[in-house]
Amino acid sequence: MNFASDNTTGASPAILEAITGLNDGRAMPYGQDDFSHRAADKIREIFETDAEVFFVATGTAANTLSLSVLAPSYGAVLCHWQSHIYEDECGGPEFFTGGAKLIPVSGPNAKLDLEDLDHHAGRGVGDVHMVQPSAASITQVTEFGAAYTRSEIEALGELCQRRGLKLHMDGARFANAVAALDCAPADITWKAGVDVLSFGATKNGAMASEAVVLFDRALAQEFAFRRKRGGHLFSKMRLLAGQIEAYLTDDLWLSNARHANAMASRLADGLASVPGIEITAPVDANMLFPKLPRPVIEGLWADGFQFYDGRWEPNVVRLVTAFNTREEDVDAFVAAARRHIEKAA
C-alpha cells in the first residue's frame, strides 16, 4: 500500500499492449516512423494547434531541454522555490542551459506570486553585471497539489509577455490538472500564454515517455539539435511515441487522471473526518499533505504503508494516488490512521 508517489506504479495495460504491438516488424529510426508522426498529430489535435512535438524518455529531459531553448547561459529562469526544477533536477537546468541561473520566486501552495514574479522579472534587465531574466516556469499541478486555473495562467502569460519572458509549463501531472479543471488543454496552455509544455505521461500510466510541446514553433530547430546533443534522440523512437499514442487514445490519459484525483479526494475526505488530522494544502488533483501526530506516522509505517515525510513542515507527510490506486487501500489507510489516533489519545 504505497502512497509515496505516482512513480511507484507500473504502466497501464493498454500502453504495455501498444508497446508489444510496436515491437513487431521494422520502422525507420529516430522518429521518422509512422507511429511517431501519428502520436505527434494526436497531441496537435488535443491542443488544437500546429505545435512542434518532440518525444523524450524522462521528465527531467523534458524540463531541462525545454529550458535550454528558452534561456541563454547568461539568463535566468524564474520559478517557485518549491518547484521540481528548483529542488529536484540535480542542477539539470543549469547544465543543459550552459549556466543559466534559477531564481526562486515565492507564492502560496507552490504557485508563483504575480507581484514577486514581476519584481524579479524586472530586476537587472540590461545590467551587464547581472543574469538576464529570460523565462518563467510553472508547475501544473504544483508540488503542493494545487492546480493553476485558466485565469491565473493568463495573468502569468500577460506578465511574461509584457516583461519579454518565455513561459514554460512543467506538466508532469498535466492530465490531473485538466481532469480537475474540466477544461480544454489549449485553454490552460498556449491560449493562456504558455510557449513550451513538458507534457507528462509516465506518472499517469506510461512506462517511460514524455513529450515536449513547442507552441512557439520557432524554437523547434534549436530544440532538435539540443535533444540529439543531450543524448535523448532515441533510435527506436516508436517505442516512446507509441506509448503517447496509446495514452491519448480513447481518452485513457484523462480517465487515468480522473481516477487518481478521485482517490485523492476520497483519501482527503476520510482523513479530514478523523479528529487530530489536518489537511494543510488544497487537494486539487492527486496529492495531499496531511499533518499527522508523530505516533500516527510511525504506526502507519509499522503497518506497511509507504509515504514521504521530512521535506515539509514537521509531521506533514505527502500522499499521492495514481491511476490504479484501489479504493480498499485508501479506506485501509484512513482506518489505520483513525485507529492510531484513538490509540494515542
Protein backbone atom coordinates (compact mmCIF):
# COMPACT_ATOMS: atom_id res chain seq x y z
CA MET A 1 0.00 0.00 0.00
CA ASN A 2 2.32 2.62 -1.36
CA PHE A 3 1.25 6.26 -1.36
CA ALA A 4 4.78 7.66 -1.75
CA SER A 5 4.44 8.70 -5.40
CA ASP A 6 2.62 8.07 -8.64
CA ASN A 7 6.03 6.94 -9.88
CA THR A 8 5.68 3.74 -7.84
CA THR A 9 3.06 2.32 -10.21
CA GLY A 10 3.53 0.21 -13.29
CA ALA A 11 2.15 1.03 -16.72
CA SER A 12 -1.42 0.93 -17.96
CA PRO A 13 -2.22 -2.40 -19.65
CA ALA A 14 -3.26 -0.60 -22.85
CA ILE A 15 0.14 1.06 -23.06
CA LEU A 16 2.01 -2.20 -22.47
CA GLU A 17 -0.11 -3.81 -25.17
CA ALA A 18 0.73 -0.97 -27.55
CA ILE A 19 4.46 -1.41 -26.93
CA THR A 20 4.19 -5.12 -27.67
CA GLY A 21 2.43 -4.36 -30.94
CA LEU A 22 5.06 -1.81 -31.91
CA ASN A 23 7.77 -4.41 -31.39
CA ASP A 24 6.75 -6.38 -34.48
CA GLY A 25 8.32 -5.61 -37.83
CA ARG A 26 10.62 -2.77 -38.74
CA ALA A 27 10.26 1.00 -38.82
CA MET A 28 12.50 3.91 -39.66
CA PRO A 29 14.62 5.13 -36.70
CA TYR A 30 14.99 8.44 -34.85
CA GLY A 31 11.33 9.40 -35.00
CA GLN A 32 10.97 9.10 -38.79
CA ASP A 33 8.30 6.43 -38.42
CA ASP A 34 4.54 6.47 -38.83
CA PHE A 35 3.93 5.78 -35.12
CA SER A 36 5.84 8.89 -34.06
CA HIS A 37 4.05 11.00 -36.66
CA ARG A 38 0.66 9.73 -35.51
CA ALA A 39 1.44 10.40 -31.85
CA ALA A 40 2.55 13.94 -32.63
CA ASP A 41 -0.62 14.52 -34.65
CA LYS A 42 -2.73 13.32 -31.71
CA ILE A 43 -1.06 15.89 -29.48
CA ARG A 44 -1.71 18.62 -32.04
CA GLU A 45 -5.35 17.55 -32.23
CA ILE A 46 -5.78 17.61 -28.45
CA PHE A 47 -4.17 21.05 -28.15
CA GLU A 48 -5.96 22.42 -31.23
CA THR A 49 -2.82 23.91 -32.73
CA ASP A 50 0.05 23.09 -35.08
CA ALA A 51 2.70 22.71 -32.38
CA GLU A 52 6.09 21.07 -32.80
CA VAL A 53 6.34 17.85 -30.76
CA PHE A 54 9.44 16.04 -29.51
CA PHE A 55 9.45 12.80 -27.51
CA VAL A 56 11.89 12.08 -24.69
CA ALA A 57 12.04 9.39 -22.03
CA THR A 58 12.04 11.33 -18.75
CA GLY A 59 10.54 14.38 -17.14
CA THR A 60 13.99 15.69 -16.33
CA ALA A 61 14.90 15.57 -20.02
CA ALA A 62 11.66 17.30 -20.97
CA ASN A 63 12.11 20.10 -18.45
CA THR A 64 15.79 20.74 -18.84
CA LEU A 65 15.85 20.58 -22.63
CA SER A 66 12.81 22.87 -22.74
CA LEU A 67 14.57 25.44 -20.60
CA SER A 68 17.71 25.16 -22.73
CA VAL A 69 15.92 26.80 -25.67
CA LEU A 70 14.29 29.47 -23.51
CA ALA A 71 17.24 30.88 -21.57
CA PRO A 72 20.81 31.65 -22.68
CA SER A 73 23.79 30.79 -20.48
CA TYR A 74 23.74 34.31 -19.02
CA GLY A 75 19.98 34.21 -18.49
CA ALA A 76 17.72 33.50 -15.54
CA VAL A 77 14.71 31.23 -15.21
CA LEU A 78 12.19 32.43 -12.63
CA CYS A 79 10.48 29.57 -10.81
CA HIS A 80 8.93 28.76 -7.46
CA TRP A 81 11.46 27.78 -4.81
CA GLN A 82 9.46 24.58 -4.25
CA SER A 83 9.20 23.69 -7.93
CA HIS A 84 10.58 20.43 -9.27
CA ILE A 85 13.13 22.17 -11.49
CA TYR A 86 14.48 24.10 -8.50
CA GLU A 87 14.59 21.32 -5.89
CA ASP A 88 14.67 18.01 -7.74
CA GLU A 89 16.58 18.20 -11.03
CA CYS A 90 20.11 17.97 -9.54
CA GLY A 91 21.37 21.00 -11.47
CA GLY A 92 19.97 19.71 -14.78
CA PRO A 93 18.55 23.09 -15.87
CA GLU A 94 21.87 24.78 -15.23
CA PHE A 95 23.71 22.01 -17.09
CA PHE A 96 21.54 21.97 -20.21
CA THR A 97 21.29 25.76 -20.45
CA GLY A 98 25.04 26.08 -20.11
CA GLY A 99 24.84 28.03 -16.87
CA ALA A 100 21.55 29.90 -16.71
CA LYS A 101 20.56 30.70 -13.15
CA LEU A 102 17.33 29.61 -11.44
CA ILE A 103 15.85 32.49 -9.47
CA PRO A 104 13.38 31.39 -6.75
CA VAL A 105 10.03 33.15 -6.52
CA SER A 106 7.59 32.94 -3.60
CA GLY A 107 3.87 32.17 -3.53
CA PRO A 108 1.39 30.02 -1.58
CA ASN A 109 0.98 26.32 -2.42
CA ALA A 110 3.99 26.49 -4.74
CA LYS A 111 2.23 28.87 -7.16
CA LEU A 112 4.12 31.90 -8.42
CA ASP A 113 3.08 35.15 -6.77
CA LEU A 114 2.49 37.72 -9.52
CA GLU A 115 3.97 40.63 -7.60
CA ASP A 116 7.12 38.75 -6.65
CA LEU A 117 7.47 37.40 -10.20
CA ASP A 118 7.13 40.89 -11.60
CA HIS A 119 9.82 42.15 -9.22
CA HIS A 120 12.31 39.51 -10.32
CA ALA A 121 11.33 39.85 -13.99
CA GLY A 122 12.41 43.47 -13.96
CA ARG A 123 15.49 43.12 -11.79
CA GLY A 124 18.80 43.65 -13.56
CA VAL A 125 17.41 43.98 -17.08
CA GLY A 126 20.12 45.44 -19.29
CA ASP A 127 22.73 45.39 -16.50
CA VAL A 128 25.80 43.59 -17.84
CA HIS A 129 26.75 42.58 -14.32
CA MET A 130 23.59 40.55 -13.71
CA VAL A 131 21.93 37.50 -15.23
CA GLN A 132 19.11 38.50 -17.54
CA PRO A 133 15.55 37.37 -16.79
CA SER A 134 14.68 35.17 -19.78
CA ALA A 135 11.91 32.74 -18.85
CA ALA A 136 9.45 31.76 -16.16
CA SER A 137 8.45 28.20 -15.33
CA ILE A 138 5.29 26.99 -13.63
CA THR A 139 4.33 23.50 -12.49
CA GLN A 140 0.90 22.09 -13.31
CA VAL A 141 -0.16 20.76 -10.86
CA THR A 142 2.24 22.29 -8.34
CA GLU A 143 4.44 20.32 -5.98
CA PHE A 144 1.86 21.09 -3.29
CA GLY A 145 -1.01 19.62 -5.28
CA ALA A 146 -2.57 22.92 -6.38
CA ALA A 147 -3.84 23.43 -9.91
CA TYR A 148 -3.27 26.74 -11.70
CA THR A 149 -6.61 28.00 -13.02
CA ARG A 150 -7.03 29.40 -16.51
CA SER A 151 -7.24 32.96 -15.19
CA GLU A 152 -4.09 32.51 -13.13
CA ILE A 153 -2.13 31.24 -16.13
CA GLU A 154 -3.49 34.04 -18.30
CA ALA A 155 -2.28 36.58 -15.75
CA LEU A 156 1.15 34.97 -15.72
CA GLY A 157 1.20 34.84 -19.51
CA GLU A 158 0.35 38.53 -19.76
CA LEU A 159 3.10 39.43 -17.30
CA CYS A 160 5.65 37.32 -19.19
CA GLN A 161 4.70 38.90 -22.49
CA ARG A 162 4.96 42.38 -21.01
CA ARG A 163 8.35 41.59 -19.48
CA GLY A 164 9.71 39.77 -22.52
CA LEU A 165 9.89 36.36 -20.83
CA LYS A 166 9.13 32.97 -22.35
CA LEU A 167 6.72 30.84 -20.29
CA HIS A 168 7.40 27.15 -19.65
CA MET A 169 4.99 24.74 -18.02
CA ASP A 170 6.23 21.62 -16.24
CA GLY A 171 3.24 19.38 -16.90
CA ALA A 172 4.36 16.21 -15.17
CA ARG A 173 0.80 15.95 -13.81
CA PHE A 174 -0.86 17.97 -16.56
CA ALA A 175 -3.55 15.32 -17.09
CA ASN A 176 -4.56 15.57 -13.45
CA ALA A 177 -4.92 19.33 -13.83
CA VAL A 178 -7.04 19.05 -16.99
CA ALA A 179 -9.26 16.48 -15.28
CA ALA A 180 -9.59 18.61 -12.15
CA LEU A 181 -10.32 21.85 -14.01
CA ASP A 182 -12.54 20.15 -16.61
CA CYS A 183 -11.16 22.40 -19.31
CA ALA A 184 -9.71 22.19 -22.79
CA PRO A 185 -5.92 21.64 -22.75
CA ALA A 186 -5.48 24.60 -25.10
CA ASP A 187 -7.19 26.95 -22.64
CA ILE A 188 -4.53 26.44 -19.96
CA THR A 189 -1.51 26.35 -22.27
CA TRP A 190 -0.90 28.28 -25.49
CA LYS A 191 -4.15 30.24 -25.38
CA ALA A 192 -3.09 31.49 -21.93
CA GLY A 193 0.46 32.39 -23.00
CA VAL A 194 2.46 29.18 -22.49
CA ASP A 195 5.29 28.83 -25.01
CA VAL A 196 6.56 25.36 -24.12
CA LEU A 197 4.91 22.45 -22.29
CA SER A 198 6.59 19.41 -20.79
CA PHE A 199 3.69 17.01 -21.33
CA GLY A 200 3.93 14.26 -18.75
CA ALA A 201 2.73 10.70 -19.21
CA THR A 202 4.97 8.49 -17.08
CA LYS A 203 3.32 9.37 -13.75
CA ASN A 204 -0.12 8.70 -15.24
CA GLY A 205 0.28 5.28 -16.85
CA ALA A 206 3.10 5.36 -19.40
CA MET A 207 6.16 3.17 -18.96
CA ALA A 208 8.73 5.84 -19.84
CA SER A 209 7.62 8.58 -22.19
CA GLU A 210 7.15 12.35 -22.12
CA ALA A 211 6.59 14.92 -24.84
CA VAL A 212 7.90 18.44 -25.26
CA VAL A 213 5.24 20.52 -26.98
CA LEU A 214 6.62 23.69 -28.56
CA PHE A 215 3.74 26.10 -29.09
CA ASP A 216 6.40 28.59 -30.19
CA ARG A 217 7.44 26.69 -33.33
CA ALA A 218 10.43 28.97 -33.89
CA LEU A 219 12.19 27.04 -31.11
CA ALA A 220 11.98 23.70 -32.92
CA GLN A 221 15.23 23.64 -34.88
CA GLU A 222 17.37 24.50 -31.88
CA PHE A 223 15.49 22.02 -29.73
CA ALA A 224 16.12 19.24 -32.25
CA PHE A 225 19.85 19.77 -32.10
CA ARG A 226 19.87 20.08 -28.30
CA ARG A 227 17.88 16.87 -27.89
CA LYS A 228 20.39 15.00 -30.04
CA ARG A 229 23.41 16.58 -28.35
CA GLY A 230 21.90 15.81 -24.95
CA GLY A 231 21.54 12.11 -25.76
CA HIS A 232 17.73 11.99 -25.88
CA LEU A 233 17.12 11.28 -29.57
CA PHE A 234 16.18 7.60 -29.35
CA SER A 235 16.89 5.39 -32.33
CA LYS A 236 13.78 3.25 -31.67
CA MET A 237 11.63 6.30 -31.05
CA ARG A 238 8.45 4.45 -31.98
CA LEU A 239 8.59 2.65 -28.63
CA LEU A 240 8.34 6.02 -26.85
CA ALA A 241 5.91 7.66 -29.24
CA GLY A 242 3.66 4.62 -29.30
CA GLN A 243 3.16 4.97 -25.58
CA ILE A 244 1.87 8.50 -26.08
CA GLU A 245 -0.44 7.41 -28.88
CA ALA A 246 -1.97 4.73 -26.63
CA TYR A 247 -2.05 7.19 -23.73
CA LEU A 248 -4.18 9.61 -25.73
CA THR A 249 -6.40 7.03 -27.46
CA ASP A 250 -9.97 6.85 -26.13
CA ASP A 251 -9.03 9.48 -23.51
CA LEU A 252 -7.03 6.98 -21.45
CA TRP A 253 -4.93 9.88 -20.12
CA LEU A 254 -8.00 11.63 -18.73
CA SER A 255 -9.70 8.54 -17.32
CA ASN A 256 -6.47 7.60 -15.54
CA ALA A 257 -6.17 11.11 -14.12
CA ARG A 258 -9.80 11.26 -13.04
CA HIS A 259 -9.40 8.02 -11.11
CA ALA A 260 -6.23 9.24 -9.41
CA ASN A 261 -7.91 12.53 -8.49
CA ALA A 262 -10.99 10.74 -7.17
CA MET A 263 -8.86 8.52 -4.96
CA ALA A 264 -7.09 11.58 -3.55
CA SER A 265 -10.43 13.21 -2.77
CA ARG A 266 -11.63 10.03 -1.09
CA LEU A 267 -8.44 9.88 0.96
CA ALA A 268 -8.63 13.56 1.91
CA ASP A 269 -12.28 13.32 2.92
CA GLY A 270 -11.59 10.26 5.03
CA LEU A 271 -8.62 11.77 6.83
CA ALA A 272 -10.38 15.11 7.35
CA SER A 273 -13.10 13.26 9.26
CA VAL A 274 -10.55 11.97 11.78
CA PRO A 275 -10.08 14.31 14.79
CA GLY A 276 -6.46 15.39 15.13
CA ILE A 277 -5.62 15.26 11.41
CA GLU A 278 -5.25 18.47 9.40
CA ILE A 279 -5.14 18.72 5.60
CA THR A 280 -2.61 21.51 5.10
CA ALA A 281 -2.89 22.25 1.35
CA PRO A 282 -5.56 22.23 -1.36
CA VAL A 283 -6.38 18.80 -2.77
CA ASP A 284 -6.97 19.87 -6.36
CA ALA A 285 -5.65 16.72 -8.01
CA ASN A 286 -3.89 13.57 -6.81
CA MET A 287 -1.65 14.80 -3.98
CA LEU A 288 -2.42 15.72 -0.40
CA PHE A 289 -0.40 16.90 2.57
CA PRO A 290 -1.96 15.92 5.90
CA LYS A 291 -0.42 16.79 9.23
CA LEU A 292 -0.38 13.75 11.50
CA PRO A 293 0.81 13.22 15.06
CA ARG A 294 4.24 11.59 15.07
CA PRO A 295 2.98 8.36 16.74
CA VAL A 296 0.40 8.02 13.96
CA ILE A 297 3.06 8.41 11.27
CA GLU A 298 5.23 5.77 12.87
CA GLY A 299 2.26 3.49 13.39
CA LEU A 300 1.28 3.72 9.73
CA TRP A 301 4.81 2.89 8.67
CA ALA A 302 4.78 -0.11 11.00
CA ASP A 303 1.54 -1.23 9.34
CA GLY A 304 3.33 -1.32 5.99
CA PHE A 305 2.07 1.91 4.44
CA GLN A 306 4.66 3.87 2.45
CA PHE A 307 4.76 7.65 2.03
CA TYR A 308 7.21 10.51 2.17
CA ASP A 309 7.91 12.55 5.28
CA GLY A 310 10.50 15.11 6.33
CA ARG A 311 10.61 17.61 3.44
CA TRP A 312 7.80 19.82 4.63
CA GLU A 313 6.68 21.17 7.97
CA PRO A 314 7.13 18.89 11.00
CA ASN A 315 4.73 15.93 10.85
CA VAL A 316 3.40 16.91 7.42
CA VAL A 317 3.52 13.95 5.04
CA ARG A 318 2.84 13.63 1.32
CA LEU A 319 0.33 11.12 -0.01
CA VAL A 320 -0.03 10.55 -3.76
CA THR A 321 -2.66 8.50 -5.54
CA ALA A 322 -2.37 7.04 -9.03
CA PHE A 323 -4.36 5.69 -11.96
CA ASN A 324 -4.52 2.25 -10.34
CA THR A 325 -4.94 3.16 -6.66
CA ARG A 326 -7.59 0.91 -5.12
CA GLU A 327 -10.48 2.17 -3.00
CA GLU A 328 -9.82 -0.54 -0.43
CA ASP A 329 -6.25 0.68 0.05
CA VAL A 330 -7.46 4.24 0.55
CA ASP A 331 -10.04 3.08 3.09
CA ALA A 332 -7.46 0.92 4.84
CA PHE A 333 -5.14 3.92 5.24
CA VAL A 334 -7.93 6.04 6.72
CA ALA A 335 -9.00 3.25 9.08
CA ALA A 336 -5.42 2.70 10.23
CA ALA A 337 -4.90 6.43 10.82
CA ARG A 338 -8.09 6.57 12.86
CA ARG A 339 -7.02 3.56 14.90
CA HIS A 340 -3.63 5.07 15.69
CA ILE A 341 -5.22 8.43 16.60
CA GLU A 342 -7.54 6.70 19.05
CA LYS A 343 -4.68 4.66 20.44
CA ALA A 344 -2.59 7.78 21.04
CA ALA A 345 -5.45 9.65 22.73
